[in-house]
Structures are given as structure tokens and as C-alpha cells.
């Protein structure tokens, strides 16, 4: 189960990095990427799957540093901000910039979470 968690964790991290790139292109170059919203929901879905597997590992007495759990749960905040704040923004450029910032924050948090998990996982 730990290996599955690491694989899906890497896929989640990659999805948010790709999403940050896509939303950066949309925000700063005006690129039209029709599948950005779908990617955003897919990345958020992968994060939810990670939470389910992580809670399963936690309940099976798997040992991990507390900061891994805290930061992993904190990652939902910028994801929620992207889906709530950016979606309600009336100015499309501002909405794209907001989404980009949220994606960069999420990706940064997930890099740290993944590194902690890789270093301390067993």
C-alpha cells in the first residue's frame, strides 16, 4: 500500500506541476487551454485518493512524521481556493492568475510532502 501511495503521490505532484504550467500560460500569455478545468478536477481527485490511501496507512499503524500529515492536509487549502475564489472571479485574467498562484502553492507544498514521505517512508 505504501508503494501505491508513493506512485499516486508522484502522479498528484506531476498533475499540479502541469496545472501550474498550464494556468501560467493561460494567465500570462493568454493561451486558450480548454482542458485546464478538467485537469484541475483530475488533480484534485488524485489528492483526494491520496488522502484516502494515507488515512488507510495511518490506520494500519504506519509510521510517518507528523509534518507529513499536516502539510498534506494543508494542501487542500490552495486547491479549495482555486476552485472557489478563481471560479467566482469575474475578470478572466485575474481568475487565471489566481488559479496559477494557487497551483504553484499547492505544488510547492506537495514537493515537500513527497520528499518527507520518500525520506521517512518504509
Protein backbone atom coordinates (compact mmCIF):
# COMPACT_ATOMS: atom_id res chain seq x y z
CA UNK A 1 0.00 0.00 0.00
CA UNK A 2 2.95 2.34 0.69
CA UNK A 3 4.22 1.90 -2.88
CA UNK A 4 0.79 2.70 -4.31
CA UNK A 5 0.66 5.81 -2.12
CA UNK A 6 4.09 6.90 -3.41
CA UNK A 7 3.13 6.28 -7.07
CA UNK A 8 -0.15 8.15 -6.83
CA UNK A 9 1.64 10.85 -4.83
CA UNK A 10 4.08 11.35 -7.68
CA UNK A 11 1.20 11.44 -10.17
CA UNK A 12 -0.58 14.03 -7.99
CA UNK A 13 2.54 16.16 -7.80
CA UNK A 14 3.04 15.92 -11.57
CA UNK A 15 -0.60 16.88 -12.17
CA UNK A 16 -0.29 20.02 -10.05
CA UNK A 17 3.03 21.00 -11.66
CA UNK A 18 1.44 20.57 -15.11
CA UNK A 19 -1.59 22.52 -13.95
CA UNK A 20 0.63 25.37 -12.72
CA UNK A 21 2.36 25.48 -16.11
CA UNK A 22 -0.94 25.42 -18.00
CA UNK A 23 -2.51 28.11 -15.82
CA UNK A 24 0.68 30.16 -16.08
CA UNK A 25 0.39 30.04 -19.87
CA UNK A 26 -3.27 30.98 -19.62
CA UNK A 27 -2.62 33.84 -17.18
CA UNK A 28 0.47 35.42 -18.65
CA UNK A 29 0.34 34.52 -22.33
CA UNK A 30 -3.39 34.39 -22.87
CA UNK A 31 -3.25 30.81 -24.14
CA UNK A 32 -6.59 29.06 -24.53
CA UNK A 33 -6.36 25.62 -22.98
CA UNK A 34 -9.81 24.07 -22.97
CA UNK A 35 -8.82 21.06 -20.86
CA UNK A 36 -7.35 23.10 -17.95
CA UNK A 37 -10.54 22.82 -15.89
CA UNK A 38 -10.65 19.05 -16.38
CA UNK A 39 -7.00 18.76 -15.36
CA UNK A 40 -7.74 20.84 -12.28
CA UNK A 41 -10.51 18.48 -11.18
CA UNK A 42 -8.37 15.42 -12.02
CA UNK A 43 -5.50 16.76 -9.90
CA UNK A 44 -7.89 17.48 -7.02
CA UNK A 45 -9.32 13.97 -7.41
CA UNK A 46 -5.84 12.45 -7.18
CA UNK A 47 -5.28 14.44 -4.00
CA UNK A 48 -8.48 13.02 -2.50
CA UNK A 49 -7.37 9.50 -3.44
CA UNK A 50 -4.06 10.24 -1.68
CA UNK A 51 -5.96 11.26 1.44
CA UNK A 52 -7.97 8.02 1.42
CA UNK A 53 -4.85 5.86 0.99
CA UNK A 54 -2.96 7.95 3.56
CA UNK A 55 -5.69 7.55 6.15
CA UNK A 56 -5.64 3.82 5.40
CA UNK A 57 -1.91 3.72 6.05
CA UNK A 58 -2.35 5.76 9.21
CA UNK A 59 -5.00 3.35 10.50
CA UNK A 60 -2.70 0.38 9.79
CA UNK A 61 -0.14 1.82 12.25
CA UNK A 62 2.22 3.02 9.51
CA UNK A 63 4.84 5.37 10.96
CA UNK A 64 5.42 8.79 9.40
CA UNK A 65 6.46 12.20 10.74
CA UNK A 66 3.56 14.40 11.81
CA UNK A 67 4.64 17.23 9.49
CA UNK A 68 3.89 14.93 6.51
CA UNK A 69 0.25 14.69 7.58
CA UNK A 70 -0.05 18.37 8.50
CA UNK A 71 1.34 19.64 5.20
CA UNK A 72 -0.61 17.07 3.19
CA UNK A 73 -3.84 18.26 4.75
CA UNK A 74 -2.79 21.90 4.29
CA UNK A 75 -2.55 21.29 0.53
CA UNK A 76 -6.34 21.25 0.31
CA UNK A 77 -6.46 24.96 1.21
CA UNK A 78 -4.96 26.33 -2.04
CA UNK A 79 -6.86 23.69 -4.01
CA UNK A 80 -10.10 24.90 -2.45
CA UNK A 81 -9.11 28.50 -3.08
CA UNK A 82 -8.53 27.73 -6.73
CA UNK A 83 -11.92 26.11 -7.10
CA UNK A 84 -13.82 28.68 -5.04
CA UNK A 85 -12.07 32.02 -5.46
CA UNK A 86 -10.85 31.73 -9.04
CA UNK A 87 -14.15 30.25 -10.21
CA UNK A 88 -16.11 33.22 -8.83
CA UNK A 89 -13.80 35.88 -10.22
CA UNK A 90 -15.49 37.96 -12.94
CA UNK A 91 -12.27 39.08 -14.64
CA UNK A 92 -10.91 36.08 -16.62
CA UNK A 93 -7.27 37.27 -16.43
CA UNK A 94 -7.46 37.71 -12.68
CA UNK A 95 -9.13 34.30 -12.31
CA UNK A 96 -6.32 32.69 -14.30
CA UNK A 97 -3.66 34.44 -12.21
CA UNK A 98 -5.38 33.34 -9.02
CA UNK A 99 -5.56 29.76 -10.26
CA UNK A 100 -1.87 29.89 -11.21
CA UNK A 101 -0.84 31.18 -7.77
CA UNK A 102 -2.94 28.51 -6.04
CA UNK A 103 -1.42 25.79 -8.22
CA UNK A 104 2.14 26.94 -7.51
CA UNK A 105 1.45 26.96 -3.76
CA UNK A 106 -0.12 23.50 -3.94
CA UNK A 107 2.76 22.11 -5.99
CA UNK A 108 5.31 23.57 -3.55
CA UNK A 109 3.53 22.02 -0.57
CA UNK A 110 3.30 18.67 -2.35
CA UNK A 111 7.01 18.68 -3.22
CA UNK A 112 7.80 18.98 0.49
CA UNK A 113 5.20 16.35 1.44
CA UNK A 114 6.52 13.93 -1.18
CA UNK A 115 10.13 14.47 -0.07
CA UNK A 116 9.21 13.82 3.56
CA UNK A 117 7.32 10.69 2.57
CA UNK A 118 10.14 9.42 0.38
CA UNK A 119 12.77 10.06 3.05
CA UNK A 120 10.82 8.64 6.00
CA UNK A 121 8.56 6.03 4.42
CA UNK A 122 9.17 2.36 4.92
